[in-house]
C-alpha atoms as a PDB file:
ATOM      1  CA  MET A   1      44.816  -2.666 -48.931  1.00  0.00           C
ATOM      2  CA  THR A   2      45.072  -3.847 -52.760  1.00  0.00           C
ATOM      3  CA  LEU A   3      44.461  -1.659 -54.919  1.00  0.00           C
ATOM      4  CA  ALA A   4      42.226  -3.710 -57.371  1.00  0.00           C
ATOM      5  CA  ALA A   5      42.603  -2.348 -61.138  1.00  0.00           C
ATOM      6  CA  GLU A   6      42.339  -3.345 -64.715  1.00  0.00           C
ATOM      7  CA  PRO A   7      45.813  -2.344 -65.906  1.00  0.00           C
ATOM      8  CA  VAL A   8      45.916   0.140 -69.531  1.00  0.00           C
ATOM      9  CA  THR A   9      49.171   2.523 -68.070  1.00  0.00           C
ATOM     10  CA  LEU A  10      50.578   2.197 -64.885  1.00  0.00           C
ATOM     11  CA  HIS A  11      49.138   5.531 -64.619  1.00  0.00           C
ATOM     12  CA  ASP A  12      45.651   4.258 -65.457  1.00  0.00           C
ATOM     13  CA  GLN A  13      46.067   1.211 -63.182  1.00  0.00           C
ATOM     14  CA  ILE A  14      47.043   3.524 -59.726  1.00  0.00           C
ATOM     15  CA  ARG A  15      44.460   5.763 -60.594  1.00  0.00           C
ATOM     16  CA  ALA A  16      41.541   2.840 -61.316  1.00  0.00           C
ATOM     17  CA  GLY A  17      42.451   1.411 -58.150  1.00  0.00           C
ATOM     18  CA  ILE A  18      42.178   4.541 -55.682  1.00  0.00           C
ATOM     19  CA  GLU A  19      39.346   5.275 -57.383  1.00  0.00           C
ATOM     20  CA  THR A  20      37.581   1.917 -57.503  1.00  0.00           C
ATOM     21  CA  ASN A  21      38.330   1.988 -53.159  1.00  0.00           C
ATOM     22  CA  ILE A  22      36.683   5.655 -53.158  1.00  0.00           C
ATOM     23  CA  LEU A  23      33.672   4.737 -55.167  1.00  0.00           C
ATOM     24  CA  SER A  24      33.191   1.406 -53.522  1.00  0.00           C
ATOM     25  CA  GLY A  25      33.232   2.877 -50.007  1.00  0.00           C
ATOM     26  CA  VAL A  26      36.213   0.947 -49.156  1.00  0.00           C
ATOM     27  CA  TRP A  27      37.736   4.020 -48.055  1.00  0.00           C
ATOM     28  CA  ARG A  28      35.808   6.694 -46.575  1.00  0.00           C
ATOM     29  CA  PRO A  29      35.627  10.977 -46.767  1.00  0.00           C
ATOM     30  CA  GLY A  30      38.672  12.074 -44.877  1.00  0.00           C
ATOM     31  CA  ASP A  31      40.918   8.968 -45.160  1.00  0.00           C
ATOM     32  CA  ARG A  32      44.357   9.228 -45.872  1.00  0.00           C
ATOM     33  CA  ILE A  33      44.948   7.519 -49.193  1.00  0.00           C
ATOM     34  CA  PRO A  34      48.596   5.540 -49.440  1.00  0.00           C
ATOM     35  CA  PHE A  35      51.510   7.571 -49.589  1.00  0.00           C
ATOM     36  CA  GLU A  36      53.048   8.009 -52.539  1.00  0.00           C
ATOM     37  CA  HIS A  37      56.556   6.515 -51.455  1.00  0.00           C
ATOM     38  CA  GLU A  38      53.937   3.365 -51.038  1.00  0.00           C
ATOM     39  CA  LEU A  39      52.483   3.572 -53.853  1.00  0.00           C
ATOM     40  CA  MET A  40      55.829   3.749 -55.586  1.00  0.00           C
ATOM     41  CA  THR A  41      57.100   0.333 -54.193  1.00  0.00           C
ATOM     42  CA  GLN A  42      53.534  -1.348 -54.400  1.00  0.00           C
ATOM     43  CA  PHE A  43      54.255  -1.000 -58.578  1.00  0.00           C
ATOM     44  CA  GLY A  44      57.567  -0.738 -58.581  1.00  0.00           C
ATOM     45  CA  CYS A  45      56.856   2.815 -60.192  1.00  0.00           C
ATOM     46  CA  ALA A  46      58.698   6.253 -60.836  1.00  0.00           C
ATOM     47  CA  ARG A  47      57.048   9.237 -58.504  1.00  0.00           C
ATOM     48  CA  MET A  48      55.853  11.160 -61.799  1.00  0.00           C
ATOM     49  CA  THR A  49      53.889   8.979 -62.170  1.00  0.00           C
ATOM     50  CA  VAL A  50      52.278   8.289 -58.954  1.00  0.00           C
ATOM     51  CA  SER A  51      51.583  12.098 -59.056  1.00  0.00           C
ATOM     52  CA  LYS A  52      50.255  12.030 -62.010  1.00  0.00           C
ATOM     53  CA  ALA A  53      47.644   9.623 -61.462  1.00  0.00           C
ATOM     54  CA  ILE A  54      46.940  11.535 -57.628  1.00  0.00           C
ATOM     55  CA  ALA A  55      46.777  14.435 -59.695  1.00  0.00           C
ATOM     56  CA  SER A  56      43.867  13.306 -61.981  1.00  0.00           C
ATOM     57  CA  LEU A  57      41.921  12.309 -59.201  1.00  0.00           C
ATOM     58  CA  VAL A  58      42.302  15.838 -57.699  1.00  0.00           C
ATOM     59  CA  ASP A  59      41.111  17.017 -61.016  1.00  0.00           C
ATOM     60  CA  ALA A  60      38.007  14.906 -60.732  1.00  0.00           C
ATOM     61  CA  GLY A  61      36.817  15.607 -56.791  1.00  0.00           C
ATOM     62  CA  LEU A  62      37.746  12.109 -55.538  1.00  0.00           C
ATOM     63  CA  VAL A  63      40.843  13.135 -53.642  1.00  0.00           C
ATOM     64  CA  VAL A  64      42.225  16.596 -52.141  1.00  0.00           C
ATOM     65  CA  ARG A  65      46.292  17.303 -51.150  1.00  0.00           C
ATOM     66  CA  ARG A  66      47.135  18.397 -47.980  1.00  0.00           C
ATOM     67  CA  ARG A  67      50.632  19.841 -47.382  1.00  0.00           C
ATOM     68  CA  ARG A  68      52.647  17.651 -45.785  1.00  0.00           C
ATOM     69  CA  ALA A  69      49.870  15.015 -44.573  1.00  0.00           C
ATOM     70  CA  GLY A  70      48.907  13.562 -47.536  1.00  0.00           C
ATOM     71  CA  SER A  71      46.380  12.750 -49.767  1.00  0.00           C
ATOM     72  CA  PHE A  72      42.905  12.519 -48.318  1.00  0.00           C
ATOM     73  CA  VAL A  73      39.555  11.417 -50.182  1.00  0.00           C
ATOM     74  CA  ALA A  74      37.606  14.071 -50.211  1.00  0.00           C
ATOM     75  CA  GLN A  75      34.087  14.806 -48.562  1.00  0.00           C
ATOM     76  CA  PRO A  76      31.579  14.687 -50.672  1.00  0.00           C
ATOM     77  CA  ARG A  77      30.238  18.634 -51.841  1.00  0.00           C
ATOM     78  CA  MET A  78      26.458  19.691 -50.497  1.00  0.00           C
ATOM     79  CA  HIS A  79      24.952  20.664 -53.684  1.00  0.00           C
ATOM     80  CA  ALA A  80      21.415  23.630 -53.316  1.00  0.00           C
ATOM     81  CA  ALA A  81      20.382  25.468 -56.256  1.00  0.00           C
ATOM     82  CA  ILE A  82      20.747  29.487 -55.688  1.00  0.00           C
ATOM     83  CA  LEU A  83      16.931  30.310 -55.732  1.00  0.00           C
ATOM     84  CA  GLU A  84      16.118  27.281 -52.933  1.00  0.00           C
ATOM     85  CA  ILE A  85      16.478  27.536 -49.206  1.00  0.00           C
ATOM     86  CA  PRO A  86      18.427  24.396 -48.088  1.00  0.00           C
ATOM     87  CA  ASP A  87      17.543  22.234 -45.054  1.00  0.00           C
ATOM     88  CA  ILE A  88      21.198  21.711 -44.051  1.00  0.00           C
ATOM     89  CA  GLN A  89      20.140  18.573 -41.760  1.00  0.00           C
ATOM     90  CA  ALA A  90      18.413  17.290 -44.945  1.00  0.00           C
ATOM     91  CA  GLU A  91      20.734  17.762 -47.002  1.00  0.00           C
ATOM     92  CA  VAL A  92      23.748  16.126 -44.832  1.00  0.00           C
ATOM     93  CA  ALA A  93      21.654  12.972 -44.316  1.00  0.00           C
ATOM     94  CA  ALA A  94      21.189  13.077 -48.037  1.00  0.00           C
ATOM     95  CA  ARG A  95      24.683  12.038 -48.989  1.00  0.00           C
ATOM     96  CA  GLY A  96      24.936   9.598 -46.086  1.00  0.00           C
ATOM     97  CA  GLU A  97      26.259  11.404 -43.143  1.00  0.00           C
ATOM     98  CA  VAL A  98      25.096  12.026 -39.491  1.00  0.00           C
ATOM     99  CA  TYR A  99      23.906  15.051 -38.689  1.00  0.00           C
ATOM    100  CA  SER A 100      24.139  16.870 -35.354  1.00  0.00           C
ATOM    101  CA  LEU A 101      24.351  20.870 -33.698  1.00  0.00           C
ATOM    102  CA  LYS A 102      25.874  22.846 -31.270  1.00  0.00           C
ATOM    103  CA  LEU A 103      24.477  25.474 -30.230  1.00  0.00           C
ATOM    104  CA  LEU A 104      26.984  28.106 -29.448  1.00  0.00           C
ATOM    105  CA  SER A 105      24.429  30.835 -27.617  1.00  0.00           C
ATOM    106  CA  ARG A 106      20.755  32.010 -27.825  1.00  0.00           C
ATOM    107  CA  ARG A 107      19.953  35.152 -26.216  1.00  0.00           C
ATOM    108  CA  ARG A 108      16.601  37.999 -26.817  1.00  0.00           C
ATOM    109  CA  ARG A 109      17.846  41.484 -27.477  1.00  0.00           C
ATOM    110  CA  LYS A 110      16.948  44.824 -29.236  1.00  0.00           C
ATOM    111  CA  PRO A 111      18.127  45.587 -32.331  1.00  0.00           C
ATOM    112  CA  ARG A 112      21.444  47.903 -32.217  1.00  0.00           C
ATOM    113  CA  THR A 113      20.629  51.768 -32.624  1.00  0.00           C
ATOM    114  CA  GLY A 114      21.486  52.552 -36.006  1.00  0.00           C
ATOM    115  CA  VAL A 115      22.074  49.193 -37.526  1.00  0.00           C
ATOM    116  CA  GLY A 116      18.738  49.709 -40.355  1.00  0.00           C
ATOM    117  CA  ASP A 117      18.569  45.856 -41.671  1.00  0.00           C
ATOM    118  CA  GLU A 118      18.157  45.053 -37.718  1.00  0.00           C
ATOM    119  CA  VAL A 119      15.837  47.954 -36.762  1.00  0.00           C
ATOM    120  CA  THR A 120      13.588  46.825 -40.211  1.00  0.00           C
ATOM    121  CA  LEU A 121      14.172  43.041 -38.694  1.00  0.00           C
ATOM    122  CA  ALA A 122      13.089  43.963 -35.242  1.00  0.00           C
ATOM    123  CA  ALA A 123       9.477  45.686 -36.698  1.00  0.00           C
ATOM    124  CA  GLY A 124       9.210  47.431 -33.496  1.00  0.00           C
ATOM    125  CA  GLY A 125       9.969  44.170 -31.440  1.00  0.00           C
ATOM    126  CA  ASP A 126      13.022  42.492 -29.985  1.00  0.00           C
ATOM    127  CA  LEU A 127      15.267  39.757 -32.172  1.00  0.00           C
ATOM    128  CA  LEU A 128      16.084  36.459 -31.588  1.00  0.00           C
ATOM    129  CA  SER A 129      19.991  36.091 -31.723  1.00  0.00           C
ATOM    130  CA  ILE A 130      20.836  32.125 -32.281  1.00  0.00           C
ATOM    131  CA  ARG A 131      24.523  31.268 -33.249  1.00  0.00           C
ATOM    132  CA  CYS A 132      25.337  27.521 -33.825  1.00  0.00           C
ATOM    133  CA  LEU A 133      27.663  25.163 -35.104  1.00  0.00           C
ATOM    134  CA  HIS A 134      26.205  22.485 -37.794  1.00  0.00           C
ATOM    135  CA  LEU A 135      28.321  18.930 -37.805  1.00  0.00           C
ATOM    136  CA  ALA A 136      28.421  16.484 -39.994  1.00  0.00           C
ATOM    137  CA  THR A 137      29.500  12.807 -38.749  1.00  0.00           C
ATOM    138  CA  GLY A 138      31.141  14.623 -36.260  1.00  0.00           C
ATOM    139  CA  ARG A 139      33.314  16.875 -38.272  1.00  0.00           C
ATOM    140  CA  PRO A 140      32.528  21.251 -38.375  1.00  0.00           C
ATOM    141  CA  PHE A 141      30.397  21.691 -41.562  1.00  0.00           C
ATOM    142  CA  ALA A 142      28.766  25.399 -41.030  1.00  0.00           C
ATOM    143  CA  ILE A 143      28.472  28.316 -38.841  1.00  0.00           C
ATOM    144  CA  GLU A 144      25.678  29.727 -38.919  1.00  0.00           C
ATOM    145  CA  ASN A 145      24.231  33.044 -37.318  1.00  0.00           C
ATOM    146  CA  ARG A 146      21.033  33.730 -37.388  1.00  0.00           C
ATOM    147  CA  LEU A 147      18.609  36.551 -36.134  1.00  0.00           C
ATOM    148  CA  ILE A 148      15.036  35.948 -36.002  1.00  0.00           C
ATOM    149  CA  SER A 149      12.358  38.820 -35.808  1.00  0.00           C
ATOM    150  CA  LEU A 150      10.351  37.605 -32.704  1.00  0.00           C
ATOM    151  CA  ALA A 151       7.779  40.499 -33.956  1.00  0.00           C
ATOM    152  CA  ASN A 152       6.961  38.599 -36.814  1.00  0.00           C
ATOM    153  CA  VAL A 153       7.874  34.799 -35.562  1.00  0.00           C
ATOM    154  CA  PRO A 154       6.841  35.092 -31.912  1.00  0.00           C
ATOM    155  CA  GLU A 155       6.365  31.387 -31.340  1.00  0.00           C
ATOM    156  CA  ALA A 156      10.242  30.906 -32.257  1.00  0.00           C
ATOM    157  CA  GLU A 157      11.078  31.874 -28.372  1.00  0.00           C
ATOM    158  CA  PHE A 158      10.136  28.929 -27.548  1.00  0.00           C
ATOM    159  CA  ALA A 159      11.545  26.555 -29.585  1.00  0.00           C
ATOM    160  CA  ASP A 160      14.274  24.057 -29.006  1.00  0.00           C
ATOM    161  CA  PHE A 161      16.990  25.505 -30.979  1.00  0.00           C
ATOM    162  CA  SER A 162      19.465  22.954 -29.436  1.00  0.00           C
ATOM    163  CA  ALA A 163      17.596  20.071 -30.919  1.00  0.00           C
ATOM    164  CA  ILE A 164      16.439  21.392 -33.954  1.00  0.00           C
ATOM    165  CA  PRO A 165      18.435  23.960 -36.508  1.00  0.00           C
ATOM    166  CA  PRO A 166      16.840  26.948 -36.801  1.00  0.00           C
ATOM    167  CA  GLY A 167      16.208  26.435 -40.332  1.00  0.00           C
ATOM    168  CA  THR A 168      14.871  23.740 -39.991  1.00  0.00           C
ATOM    169  CA  TRP A 169      12.557  24.756 -37.418  1.00  0.00           C
ATOM    170  CA  LEU A 170      11.865  27.831 -39.568  1.00  0.00           C
ATOM    171  CA  LEU A 171      11.046  26.014 -43.272  1.00  0.00           C
ATOM    172  CA  GLY A 172       8.389  23.626 -41.216  1.00  0.00           C
ATOM    173  CA  HIS A 173       6.286  26.363 -39.393  1.00  0.00           C
ATOM    174  CA  VAL A 174       6.486  29.538 -41.502  1.00  0.00           C
ATOM    175  CA  GLN A 175       5.292  29.830 -44.611  1.00  0.00           C
ATOM    176  CA  TRP A 176       7.655  32.018 -46.356  1.00  0.00           C
ATOM    177  CA  THR A 177       7.122  34.105 -49.978  1.00  0.00           C
ATOM    178  CA  GLU A 178      10.487  35.969 -51.336  1.00  0.00           C
ATOM    179  CA  ALA A 179      13.917  35.223 -50.224  1.00  0.00           C
ATOM    180  CA  GLU A 180      17.306  37.289 -51.089  1.00  0.00           C
ATOM    181  CA  HIS A 181      20.449  35.100 -51.008  1.00  0.00           C
ATOM    182  CA  ARG A 182      23.854  37.312 -51.143  1.00  0.00           C
ATOM    183  CA  ILE A 183      26.755  34.707 -52.202  1.00  0.00           C
ATOM    184  CA  ALA A 184      30.324  35.759 -51.410  1.00  0.00           C
ATOM    185  CA  ALA A 185      34.078  33.772 -51.090  1.00  0.00           C
ATOM    186  CA  ILE A 186      35.844  34.586 -47.969  1.00  0.00           C
ATOM    187  CA  ASN A 187      38.483  33.577 -46.167  1.00  0.00           C
ATOM    188  CA  ALA A 188      38.228  32.565 -42.868  1.00  0.00           C
ATOM    189  CA  ASP A 189      39.107  34.789 -39.678  1.00  0.00           C
ATOM    190  CA  ALA A 190      40.477  33.190 -36.351  1.00  0.00           C
ATOM    191  CA  PRO A 191      37.708  32.879 -34.902  1.00  0.00           C
ATOM    192  CA  THR A 192      35.854  30.959 -37.976  1.00  0.00           C
ATOM    193  CA  ALA A 193      38.747  29.303 -38.713  1.00  0.00           C
ATOM    194  CA  ALA A 194      38.798  27.355 -35.052  1.00  0.00           C
ATOM    195  CA  GLN A 195      35.321  26.504 -35.030  1.00  0.00           C
ATOM    196  CA  LEU A 196      35.685  25.099 -38.392  1.00  0.00           C
ATOM    197  CA  ALA A 197      38.556  23.292 -37.713  1.00  0.00           C
ATOM    198  CA  VAL A 198      40.247  24.459 -41.278  1.00  0.00           C
ATOM    199  CA  PRO A 199      43.499  27.111 -41.126  1.00  0.00           C
ATOM    200  CA  LYS A 200      43.082  31.031 -40.730  1.00  0.00           C
ATOM    201  CA  GLY A 201      42.798  32.154 -44.100  1.00  0.00           C
ATOM    202  CA  VAL A 202      41.117  29.105 -45.875  1.00  0.00           C
ATOM    203  CA  ALA A 203      38.936  29.995 -48.810  1.00  0.00           C
ATOM    204  CA  CYS A 204      34.931  29.728 -47.109  1.00  0.00           C
ATOM    205  CA  LEU A 205      31.640  30.222 -48.994  1.00  0.00           C
ATOM    206  CA  SER A 206      29.859  32.965 -47.193  1.00  0.00           C
ATOM    207  CA  LEU A 207      25.612  32.806 -47.515  1.00  0.00           C
ATOM    208  CA  ASP A 208      23.517  35.313 -46.592  1.00  0.00           C
ATOM    209  CA  ARG A 209      19.867  35.085 -46.739  1.00  0.00           C
ATOM    210  CA  ARG A 210      16.556  36.943 -45.668  1.00  0.00           C
ATOM    211  CA  THR A 211      13.561  36.339 -45.638  1.00  0.00           C
ATOM    212  CA  TRP A 212      10.156  37.349 -45.841  1.00  0.00           C
ATOM    213  CA  ARG A 213       6.083  36.600 -45.185  1.00  0.00           C
ATOM    214  CA  ALA A 214       4.388  39.033 -47.866  1.00  0.00           C
ATOM    215  CA  ASP A 215       6.141  42.192 -46.172  1.00  0.00           C
ATOM    216  CA  LYS A 216       6.899  40.749 -43.015  1.00  0.00           C
ATOM    217  CA  HIS A 217      10.965  40.404 -42.385  1.00  0.00           C
ATOM    218  CA  ILE A 218      11.014  36.982 -40.807  1.00  0.00           C
ATOM    219  CA  THR A 219      14.693  36.007 -40.059  1.00  0.00           C
ATOM    220  CA  HIS A 220      18.356  37.139 -41.325  1.00  0.00           C
ATOM    221  CA  VAL A 221      21.117  34.547 -41.443  1.00  0.00           C
ATOM    222  CA  ARG A 222      24.671  33.789 -42.509  1.00  0.00           C
ATOM    223  CA  GLN A 223      25.698  30.473 -42.749  1.00  0.00           C
ATOM    224  CA  ILE A 224      30.094  29.954 -43.689  1.00  0.00           C
ATOM    225  CA  PHE A 225      31.321  26.734 -45.171  1.00  0.00           C
ATOM    226  CA  PRO A 226      34.908  25.523 -45.466  1.00  0.00           C
ATOM    227  CA  GLY A 227      34.895  25.893 -49.606  1.00  0.00           C
ATOM    228  CA  THR A 228      35.439  22.209 -49.762  1.00  0.00           C
ATOM    229  CA  ALA A 229      31.952  21.288 -48.374  1.00  0.00           C
ATOM    230  CA  TYR A 230      29.590  22.901 -50.755  1.00  0.00           C
ATOM    231  CA  ASP A 231      28.356  23.994 -54.482  1.00  0.00           C
ATOM    232  CA  LEU A 232      25.637  26.441 -55.387  1.00  0.00           C
ATOM    233  CA  VAL A 233      24.143  24.604 -58.310  1.00  0.00           C
ATOM    234  CA  ALA A 234      21.532  25.937 -60.433  1.00  0.00           C
ATOM    235  CA  ARG A 235      20.265  24.488 -64.106  1.00  0.00           C
ATOM    236  CA  PHE A 236      18.302  26.991 -66.198  1.00  0.00           C
ATOM    237  CA  ARG A 237      17.611  27.925 -70.234  1.00  0.00           C
ATOM    238  CA  PRO A 238      17.792  31.657 -71.759  1.00  0.00           C
ATOM    239  CA  ALA A 239      14.962  33.444 -72.112  1.00  0.00           C
ATOM    240  CA  GLY A 240      12.237  32.846 -74.341  1.00  0.00           C
ATOM    241  CA  ASN A 241      14.175  29.397 -75.639  1.00  0.00           C
ATOM    242  CA  SER A 242      11.312  26.818 -75.658  1.00  0.00           C
ATOM    243  CA  ALA A 243      13.504  23.995 -76.836  1.00  0.00           C
END
């Protein structure tokens, strides 16, 4: 590949060339960019110059460095406002990727004795327990563990969650009136890391969400995303600001 650039300084030329190939789509998310020694040969420069150019692209969020593997085009982040309930399927499609779903487990069960949250959610009935893996263009994107109250959403028992994500189905079938989010930064344990295809201990974002319809509890879900895949974004004004 030839790096197109308008030379200013050599560092700027290298950065602009890589940036052009990324933003134009020549290099796709996950593609490896040339190794530093390849860029040194191409541009006839020192490693420090190449490293500075790549570091500026890392700071801009366009490139990620992987130890011993090289530098790669960064995956675009998914943005969601904190007070919204995101539809993962729609968000993945909106960023130009192909969404797919893998249903890992599904079973109807009683709430666990002594687990107050589950007893409250069950409302005297059973729970539908679902575990699934969301994928973006074939890559693991998020692990989801969800409980649905069959007392309050009985039709969920007959939904095909191997074909439609639970969250997408609920947004389309159940009117919710209140939601609670709990957001945490965690390190992936071994099972989570294996399913997300990331190293054990890597930074991840955990999103716990509960939703209600009036006073009826609908669902409790925990979604875990690799830290590089998801942003939480909110735009707001100070109270009383009329500007």
